[in-house]
């Protein structure tokens, strides 16, 4: 069996390191990445599987279960038991991996539906007296795709590799993972026919935002999402932060030593800084019987505090050079989600601890991704009711 080693495996190994394995596991993952290499031809072979198994064993022995799962997926991909589209979607290795998967499923499903209806119409035209049972029997007998024999090597059979993996993934997804659910339409058919153009545009925008919010929530709830993954989705959907900001961001590097994740702009030229941290991090710790924000929160706030100081000191220059008013800029830190961590399962406890914490910070607010999602969902619900 040929061992697979390519740019996808390279990106996965880098993602594993970015997600932060424990100190004793990191060198093992770095050994695998060093063996694979940074450019084609990537090195594979027996040594690759041995290094991956060694890294997996080290992660298990260190009780680093999250890293162990990721290394196990890397091993499955190298041994051709895990399809590339599954890997790219799970770990968001390419920008838009999940969107491309949805588009592929839509295309294949629509094409298949048209093919089936065309065949059913043709059969019915040729057999006018056909009943439902006969039509279903005809459809069940439609030919299926089969694995083909390798003509250049009799006795062996071709399995999907490379671009063909997408077709295998699409077929398996449609057969086993696609669920049909009833979804209430935003407008009835009669209302849709008589609706003015402005309302149709609003309906289309609402549906687009619903899909974008679902994509963002999926990214948040994935334990394999990095800050960069979350940032890429939010950059395309700044409306999630509310209607008080312009649909574009300021330059990310305004002052030396600071790179803002999302520098939001208000219509008056002022700025609001959003700092994104991972969703899959614990937020609380115990102190004398109280649940209080832990070091993850304190470090994030300290980082943003330094940003705000730098902006205050550079305010006259920035106002002259770029027209941005950075005096007394406010900021939001988005971090964590009640889905992750033990203490965080109690959402009320998280909200209470952050509310007390935020009460002592005038210019910086800490919120969870759950709070950000809930606010965006409420805005869509109110808009739908209003429409």
Protein backbone atom coordinates (compact mmCIF):
# COMPACT_ATOMS: atom_id res chain seq x y z
CA UNK A 1 0.00 0.00 0.00
CA UNK A 2 1.32 3.39 -0.99
CA UNK A 3 1.73 5.86 1.86
CA UNK A 4 0.34 9.29 1.04
CA UNK A 5 2.38 12.40 1.80
CA UNK A 6 1.40 15.73 0.26
CA UNK A 7 0.64 19.39 0.91
CA UNK A 8 -2.62 18.50 2.70
CA UNK A 9 -0.73 16.40 5.25
CA UNK A 10 1.82 19.19 5.62
CA UNK A 11 -0.93 21.71 6.36
CA UNK A 12 -2.55 19.35 8.87
CA UNK A 13 0.72 18.86 10.77
CA UNK A 14 1.21 22.63 10.91
CA UNK A 15 -2.35 23.02 12.14
CA UNK A 16 -1.70 20.47 14.90
CA UNK A 17 1.29 22.51 16.06
CA UNK A 18 -0.72 25.73 15.85
CA UNK A 19 -3.47 24.24 18.04
CA UNK A 20 -0.88 23.69 20.76
CA UNK A 21 0.12 20.14 21.74
CA UNK A 22 1.61 19.69 25.19
CA UNK A 23 5.28 20.44 25.70
CA UNK A 24 6.33 16.78 25.59
CA UNK A 25 4.24 15.98 22.50
CA UNK A 26 5.31 18.92 20.34
CA UNK A 27 8.79 17.53 19.48
CA UNK A 28 7.21 14.33 18.16
CA UNK A 29 4.90 16.26 15.83
CA UNK A 30 7.82 18.42 14.71
CA UNK A 31 9.73 15.24 13.84
CA UNK A 32 6.88 14.15 11.57
CA UNK A 33 6.70 17.56 9.89
CA UNK A 34 10.46 17.60 9.41
CA UNK A 35 10.30 14.21 7.71
CA UNK A 36 7.41 15.22 5.41
CA UNK A 37 9.17 18.41 4.32
CA UNK A 38 7.96 21.82 3.22
CA UNK A 39 7.65 21.32 -0.53
CA UNK A 40 7.07 18.67 -3.15
CA UNK A 41 8.18 15.94 -3.41
CA UNK A 42 6.99 15.27 0.15
CA UNK A 43 8.53 12.30 1.91
CA UNK A 44 6.35 9.41 3.04
CA UNK A 45 7.15 5.74 3.27
CA UNK A 46 7.26 3.45 6.27
CA UNK A 47 9.21 5.99 8.29
CA UNK A 48 6.28 8.42 8.07
CA UNK A 49 3.80 5.95 9.55
CA UNK A 50 6.28 4.97 12.26
CA UNK A 51 6.79 8.62 13.22
CA UNK A 52 3.03 9.24 13.28
CA UNK A 53 2.42 6.18 15.45
CA UNK A 54 5.18 7.28 17.82
CA UNK A 55 3.67 10.77 18.06
CA UNK A 56 0.22 9.26 18.66
CA UNK A 57 1.55 7.05 21.44
CA UNK A 58 3.31 10.00 23.06
CA UNK A 59 0.13 12.09 22.96
CA UNK A 60 -1.90 9.28 24.53
CA UNK A 61 0.69 8.72 27.25
CA UNK A 62 0.63 12.46 28.01
CA UNK A 63 -3.20 12.41 28.10
CA UNK A 64 -3.25 14.99 25.30
CA UNK A 65 -6.40 13.50 23.79
CA UNK A 66 -7.11 16.36 21.39
CA UNK A 67 -3.67 16.10 19.80
CA UNK A 68 -3.91 12.31 19.75
CA UNK A 69 -7.13 12.54 17.72
CA UNK A 70 -5.49 14.91 15.22
CA UNK A 71 -2.42 12.71 14.82
CA UNK A 72 -4.67 9.69 14.35
CA UNK A 73 -6.43 11.54 11.53
CA UNK A 74 -3.05 12.38 9.98
CA UNK A 75 -2.16 8.69 10.09
CA UNK A 76 -5.51 7.73 8.55
CA UNK A 77 -4.98 10.19 5.74
CA UNK A 78 -1.43 8.97 5.11
CA UNK A 79 -2.72 5.38 4.92
CA UNK A 80 -5.60 6.35 2.59
CA UNK A 81 -8.41 5.47 5.00
CA UNK A 82 -9.50 9.11 5.43
CA UNK A 83 -10.64 11.13 2.42
CA UNK A 84 -9.11 14.51 1.65
CA UNK A 85 -12.47 16.43 1.62
CA UNK A 86 -13.27 15.09 5.11
CA UNK A 87 -9.88 16.17 6.41
CA UNK A 88 -10.03 19.61 4.80
CA UNK A 89 -13.53 20.26 6.16
CA UNK A 90 -12.82 19.00 9.68
CA UNK A 91 -9.66 21.06 10.11
CA UNK A 92 -10.48 23.91 7.69
CA UNK A 93 -7.14 23.45 5.99
CA UNK A 94 -8.16 25.62 3.04
CA UNK A 95 -10.23 28.77 3.13
CA UNK A 96 -13.76 27.84 2.12
CA UNK A 97 -13.33 24.06 2.44
CA UNK A 98 -16.76 23.64 3.99
CA UNK A 99 -18.44 25.98 1.53
CA UNK A 100 -16.96 24.05 -1.38
CA UNK A 101 -18.23 20.83 0.15
CA UNK A 102 -21.75 22.24 0.42
CA UNK A 103 -21.58 23.51 -3.16
CA UNK A 104 -20.43 20.11 -4.40
CA UNK A 105 -23.25 18.32 -2.57
CA UNK A 106 -25.77 20.84 -3.96
CA UNK A 107 -24.50 20.33 -7.52
CA UNK A 108 -24.48 16.56 -7.27
CA UNK A 109 -27.89 16.43 -5.58
CA UNK A 110 -29.52 18.75 -8.11
CA UNK A 111 -27.95 16.86 -11.02
CA UNK A 112 -29.05 13.50 -9.60
CA UNK A 113 -32.58 14.79 -8.96
CA UNK A 114 -32.85 16.06 -12.54
CA UNK A 115 -31.54 12.77 -13.90
CA UNK A 116 -34.03 10.74 -11.87
CA UNK A 117 -36.99 12.94 -12.80
CA UNK A 118 -36.00 12.87 -16.48
CA UNK A 119 -35.80 9.09 -16.42
CA UNK A 120 -39.12 8.85 -14.59
CA UNK A 121 -40.81 11.16 -17.11
CA UNK A 122 -39.41 9.18 -20.04
CA UNK A 123 -40.48 5.85 -18.51
CA UNK A 124 -43.97 7.22 -17.87
CA UNK A 125 -44.27 8.49 -21.45
CA UNK A 126 -43.24 5.10 -22.82
CA UNK A 127 -45.51 3.27 -20.37
CA UNK A 128 -48.65 5.41 -19.88
CA UNK A 129 -50.36 2.93 -17.58
CA UNK A 130 -47.49 2.84 -15.08
CA UNK A 131 -48.43 2.79 -11.40
CA UNK A 132 -46.29 4.03 -8.52
CA UNK A 133 -44.87 0.58 -7.65
CA UNK A 134 -43.74 -0.05 -11.23
CA UNK A 135 -42.12 3.37 -11.43
CA UNK A 136 -40.23 2.81 -8.18
CA UNK A 137 -39.08 -0.60 -9.41
CA UNK A 138 -37.75 1.02 -12.58
CA UNK A 139 -35.88 3.69 -10.63
CA UNK A 140 -34.31 1.10 -8.32
CA UNK A 141 -32.96 -0.72 -11.36
CA UNK A 142 -31.07 2.29 -12.68
CA UNK A 143 -27.40 1.39 -13.16
CA UNK A 144 -24.95 2.22 -10.40
CA UNK A 145 -21.37 3.31 -10.67
CA UNK A 146 -18.89 0.49 -10.10
CA UNK A 147 -15.21 0.19 -9.26
CA UNK A 148 -13.37 -0.39 -12.54
CA UNK A 149 -10.68 -2.94 -13.22
CA UNK A 150 -7.21 -1.53 -13.95
CA UNK A 151 -6.66 -2.40 -17.62
CA UNK A 152 -2.89 -2.04 -17.32
CA UNK A 153 -2.75 -4.42 -14.36
CA UNK A 154 -5.34 -7.23 -14.59
CA UNK A 155 -6.54 -8.54 -11.28
CA UNK A 156 -6.30 -5.17 -9.54
CA UNK A 157 -8.94 -2.49 -9.26
CA UNK A 158 -8.86 1.27 -9.35
CA UNK A 159 -9.81 3.11 -6.16
CA UNK A 160 -10.38 6.86 -5.93
CA UNK A 161 -7.32 9.04 -5.47
CA UNK A 162 -6.60 12.69 -6.10
CA UNK A 163 -9.50 14.56 -7.68
CA UNK A 164 -11.69 11.40 -7.70
CA UNK A 165 -11.85 11.52 -3.92
CA UNK A 166 -14.34 14.36 -4.22
CA UNK A 167 -16.78 12.13 -6.10
CA UNK A 168 -16.44 9.32 -3.56
CA UNK A 169 -16.90 11.80 -0.72
CA UNK A 170 -19.98 13.33 -2.38
CA UNK A 171 -21.59 9.93 -2.96
CA UNK A 172 -20.97 8.79 0.61
CA UNK A 173 -22.17 12.11 2.04
CA UNK A 174 -25.40 12.06 0.03
CA UNK A 175 -26.10 8.43 0.92
CA UNK A 176 -25.29 8.57 4.62
CA UNK A 177 -24.90 12.14 5.88
CA UNK A 178 -27.49 14.25 4.03
CA UNK A 179 -30.63 14.88 6.07
CA UNK A 180 -33.83 16.37 4.67
CA UNK A 181 -35.58 18.74 7.07
CA UNK A 182 -38.58 20.99 6.76
CA UNK A 183 -37.64 24.67 6.83
CA UNK A 184 -40.27 27.35 7.10
CA UNK A 185 -39.99 29.77 4.18
CA UNK A 186 -39.38 33.43 4.98
CA UNK A 187 -42.13 34.38 2.52
CA UNK A 188 -45.05 32.32 1.20
CA UNK A 189 -45.24 31.72 -2.53
CA UNK A 190 -48.12 34.23 -2.92
CA UNK A 191 -46.24 36.89 -0.95
CA UNK A 192 -43.10 36.19 -2.94
CA UNK A 193 -44.86 36.77 -6.24
CA UNK A 194 -46.26 40.15 -5.17
CA UNK A 195 -43.34 41.37 -3.05
CA UNK A 196 -41.51 44.53 -4.15
CA UNK A 197 -37.89 44.31 -5.25
CA UNK A 198 -36.61 45.90 -2.03
CA UNK A 199 -38.28 43.18 0.06
CA UNK A 200 -36.87 40.41 -2.15
CA UNK A 201 -33.38 41.84 -1.65
CA UNK A 202 -33.90 41.91 2.13
CA UNK A 203 -35.15 38.31 2.10
CA UNK A 204 -32.12 37.20 0.10
CA UNK A 205 -29.80 39.04 2.49
CA UNK A 206 -31.52 37.47 5.50
CA UNK A 207 -31.15 33.97 4.06
CA UNK A 208 -27.49 34.65 3.23
CA UNK A 209 -26.84 35.84 6.77
CA UNK A 210 -28.56 32.79 8.22
CA UNK A 211 -26.23 30.54 6.24
CA UNK A 212 -23.18 32.62 7.16
CA UNK A 213 -24.12 32.46 10.84
CA UNK A 214 -24.51 28.68 10.61
CA UNK A 215 -21.03 28.47 9.08
CA UNK A 216 -19.61 30.63 11.88
CA UNK A 217 -21.30 28.53 14.58
CA UNK A 218 -19.92 25.35 13.01
CA UNK A 219 -16.43 26.88 13.08
CA UNK A 220 -16.84 27.96 16.71
CA UNK A 221 -18.01 24.51 17.85
CA UNK A 222 -15.17 22.69 16.10
CA UNK A 223 -12.47 21.86 18.68
CA UNK A 224 -9.92 22.08 15.86
CA UNK A 225 -10.58 25.74 14.97
CA UNK A 226 -7.78 28.23 15.48
CA UNK A 227 -8.02 31.98 15.95
CA UNK A 228 -7.23 32.38 12.27
CA UNK A 229 -10.11 30.09 11.25
CA UNK A 230 -12.54 32.17 13.31
CA UNK A 231 -11.11 35.41 11.99
CA UNK A 232 -11.54 34.38 8.34
CA UNK A 233 -15.26 33.74 8.82
CA UNK A 234 -15.86 36.93 10.81
CA UNK A 235 -14.00 39.11 8.29
CA UNK A 236 -16.69 38.17 5.77
CA UNK A 237 -19.52 38.79 8.25
CA UNK A 238 -18.85 41.94 10.26
CA UNK A 239 -22.62 42.38 10.65
CA UNK A 240 -22.42 39.77 13.44
CA UNK A 241 -21.03 42.50 15.72
CA UNK A 242 -24.10 44.67 15.21
CA UNK A 243 -25.23 47.50 12.98
CA UNK A 244 -23.11 50.27 14.54
CA UNK A 245 -20.01 49.43 12.48
CA UNK A 246 -19.14 49.93 8.83
CA UNK A 247 -18.92 46.83 6.59
CA UNK A 248 -15.13 47.12 6.37
CA UNK A 249 -12.18 47.15 8.74
CA UNK A 250 -9.32 49.57 9.27
CA UNK A 251 -5.69 48.70 8.63
CA UNK A 252 -4.63 45.95 11.01
CA UNK A 253 -1.18 47.42 11.66
CA UNK A 254 -1.60 50.99 12.82
CA UNK A 255 1.02 51.12 15.55
CA UNK A 256 4.37 49.32 15.94
CA UNK A 257 4.20 45.98 17.71
CA UNK A 258 0.44 45.57 17.36
CA UNK A 259 -1.63 43.69 14.81
CA UNK A 260 -5.36 43.93 15.42
CA UNK A 261 -7.60 40.98 14.56
CA UNK A 262 -10.66 43.04 13.62
CA UNK A 263 -10.32 46.85 13.83
CA UNK A 264 -13.96 47.86 13.34
CA UNK A 265 -14.90 51.34 12.13
CA UNK A 266 -17.81 53.53 13.22
CA UNK A 267 -19.41 56.06 10.88
CA UNK A 268 -17.88 58.96 12.86
CA UNK A 269 -14.34 57.73 12.11
CA UNK A 270 -13.69 56.21 15.52
CA UNK A 271 -12.51 52.63 15.98
CA UNK A 272 -13.38 49.59 18.05
CA UNK A 273 -10.83 46.78 18.37
CA UNK A 274 -11.92 43.13 18.46
CA UNK A 275 -9.39 40.60 19.69
CA UNK A 276 -10.21 36.98 18.86
CA UNK A 277 -9.04 34.03 20.91
CA UNK A 278 -9.82 30.36 20.52
CA UNK A 279 -13.26 29.07 21.42
CA UNK A 280 -11.89 25.77 22.71
CA UNK A 281 -10.21 27.14 25.84
CA UNK A 282 -11.26 27.09 29.51
CA UNK A 283 -12.31 30.45 30.94
CA UNK A 284 -12.81 29.98 34.68
CA UNK A 285 -10.88 28.85 37.70
CA UNK A 286 -11.68 28.51 41.41
CA UNK A 287 -10.45 31.06 43.91
CA UNK A 288 -11.64 30.97 47.52
CA UNK A 289 -14.98 29.49 46.61
CA UNK A 290 -15.58 31.78 43.65
CA UNK A 291 -15.44 31.09 39.94
CA UNK A 292 -13.25 33.77 38.39
CA UNK A 293 -11.69 34.34 34.95
CA UNK A 294 -8.47 32.37 34.50
CA UNK A 295 -5.09 33.23 32.96
CA UNK A 296 -6.41 32.88 29.38
CA UNK A 297 -8.76 35.79 29.98
CA UNK A 298 -6.25 37.90 31.91
CA UNK A 299 -3.54 37.50 29.26
CA UNK A 300 -5.97 38.46 26.49
CA UNK A 301 -7.07 41.58 28.37
CA UNK A 302 -3.44 42.52 29.10
CA UNK A 303 -2.64 42.18 25.40
CA UNK A 304 -5.53 44.43 24.41
CA UNK A 305 -4.63 46.94 27.12
CA UNK A 306 -1.21 47.34 25.54
CA UNK A 307 -2.90 47.89 22.16
CA UNK A 308 -5.09 50.64 23.58
CA UNK A 309 -2.15 52.39 25.23
CA UNK A 310 -0.27 52.37 21.91
CA UNK A 311 -3.32 53.78 20.10
CA UNK A 312 -3.75 56.53 22.69
CA UNK A 313 -0.10 57.54 22.33
CA UNK A 314 -0.34 57.56 18.52
CA UNK A 315 -3.75 59.26 18.29
CA UNK A 316 -2.55 62.69 16.98
CA UNK A 317 -0.44 61.09 14.24
CA UNK A 318 -3.17 58.65 13.17
CA UNK A 319 -5.78 61.39 13.04
CA UNK A 320 -3.54 63.45 10.76
CA UNK A 321 -2.30 60.59 8.58
CA UNK A 322 -5.42 58.46 8.16
CA UNK A 323 -8.32 60.40 9.62
CA UNK A 324 -8.90 57.76 12.31
CA UNK A 325 -9.85 58.93 15.77
CA UNK A 326 -8.07 56.47 18.08
CA UNK A 327 -8.46 58.45 21.30
CA UNK A 328 -10.04 56.33 24.01
CA UNK A 329 -10.68 53.40 21.66
CA UNK A 330 -12.84 50.62 23.12
CA UNK A 331 -12.26 46.91 22.62
CA UNK A 332 -13.93 43.52 22.84
CA UNK A 333 -12.22 40.22 23.59
CA UNK A 334 -14.09 37.19 22.23
CA UNK A 335 -12.93 33.98 23.88
CA UNK A 336 -14.25 30.56 24.89
CA UNK A 337 -17.62 28.84 24.63
CA UNK A 338 -19.71 26.98 27.25
CA UNK A 339 -19.45 23.86 25.07
CA UNK A 340 -15.80 23.46 26.05
CA UNK A 341 -14.27 22.98 29.48
CA UNK A 342 -15.75 21.61 32.69
CA UNK A 343 -16.68 24.76 34.57
CA UNK A 344 -17.89 26.40 31.37
CA UNK A 345 -20.79 23.93 31.03
CA UNK A 346 -22.64 26.20 33.47
CA UNK A 347 -23.37 29.09 31.12
CA UNK A 348 -24.89 31.22 33.87
CA UNK A 349 -21.72 30.90 35.94
CA UNK A 350 -19.60 31.97 32.97
CA UNK A 351 -21.81 34.96 32.24
CA UNK A 352 -21.85 36.01 35.89
CA UNK A 353 -18.07 35.76 36.26
CA UNK A 354 -17.49 37.78 33.09
CA UNK A 355 -20.11 40.36 34.05
CA UNK A 356 -18.32 40.98 37.35
CA UNK A 357 -14.96 41.04 35.58
CA UNK A 358 -16.17 43.47 32.90
CA UNK A 359 -17.60 45.77 35.56
CA UNK A 360 -14.04 46.65 36.56
CA UNK A 361 -12.83 47.45 33.04
CA UNK A 362 -14.07 50.64 31.44
CA UNK A 363 -12.79 50.20 27.88
CA UNK A 364 -12.49 46.43 27.43
CA UNK A 365 -15.34 43.91 27.42
CA UNK A 366 -14.85 40.14 27.46
CA UNK A 367 -17.56 38.01 25.86
CA UNK A 368 -17.85 34.38 24.82
CA UNK A 369 -18.52 33.15 21.30
CA UNK A 370 -21.84 31.88 22.61
CA UNK A 371 -22.84 35.43 23.58
CA UNK A 372 -21.72 36.74 20.19
CA UNK A 373 -23.72 34.04 18.38
CA UNK A 374 -26.82 34.60 20.50
CA UNK A 375 -26.76 38.32 19.76
CA UNK A 376 -26.46 37.71 16.01
CA UNK A 377 -29.28 35.13 16.08
CA UNK A 378 -31.55 37.56 17.94
CA UNK A 379 -30.87 40.27 15.37
CA UNK A 380 -31.90 37.92 12.55
CA UNK A 381 -34.98 36.81 14.46
CA UNK A 382 -36.08 40.39 15.09
CA UNK A 383 -35.47 41.29 11.44
CA UNK A 384 -37.50 38.29 10.27
CA UNK A 385 -40.39 39.20 12.59
CA UNK A 386 -40.24 42.84 11.47
CA UNK A 387 -40.28 41.84 7.79
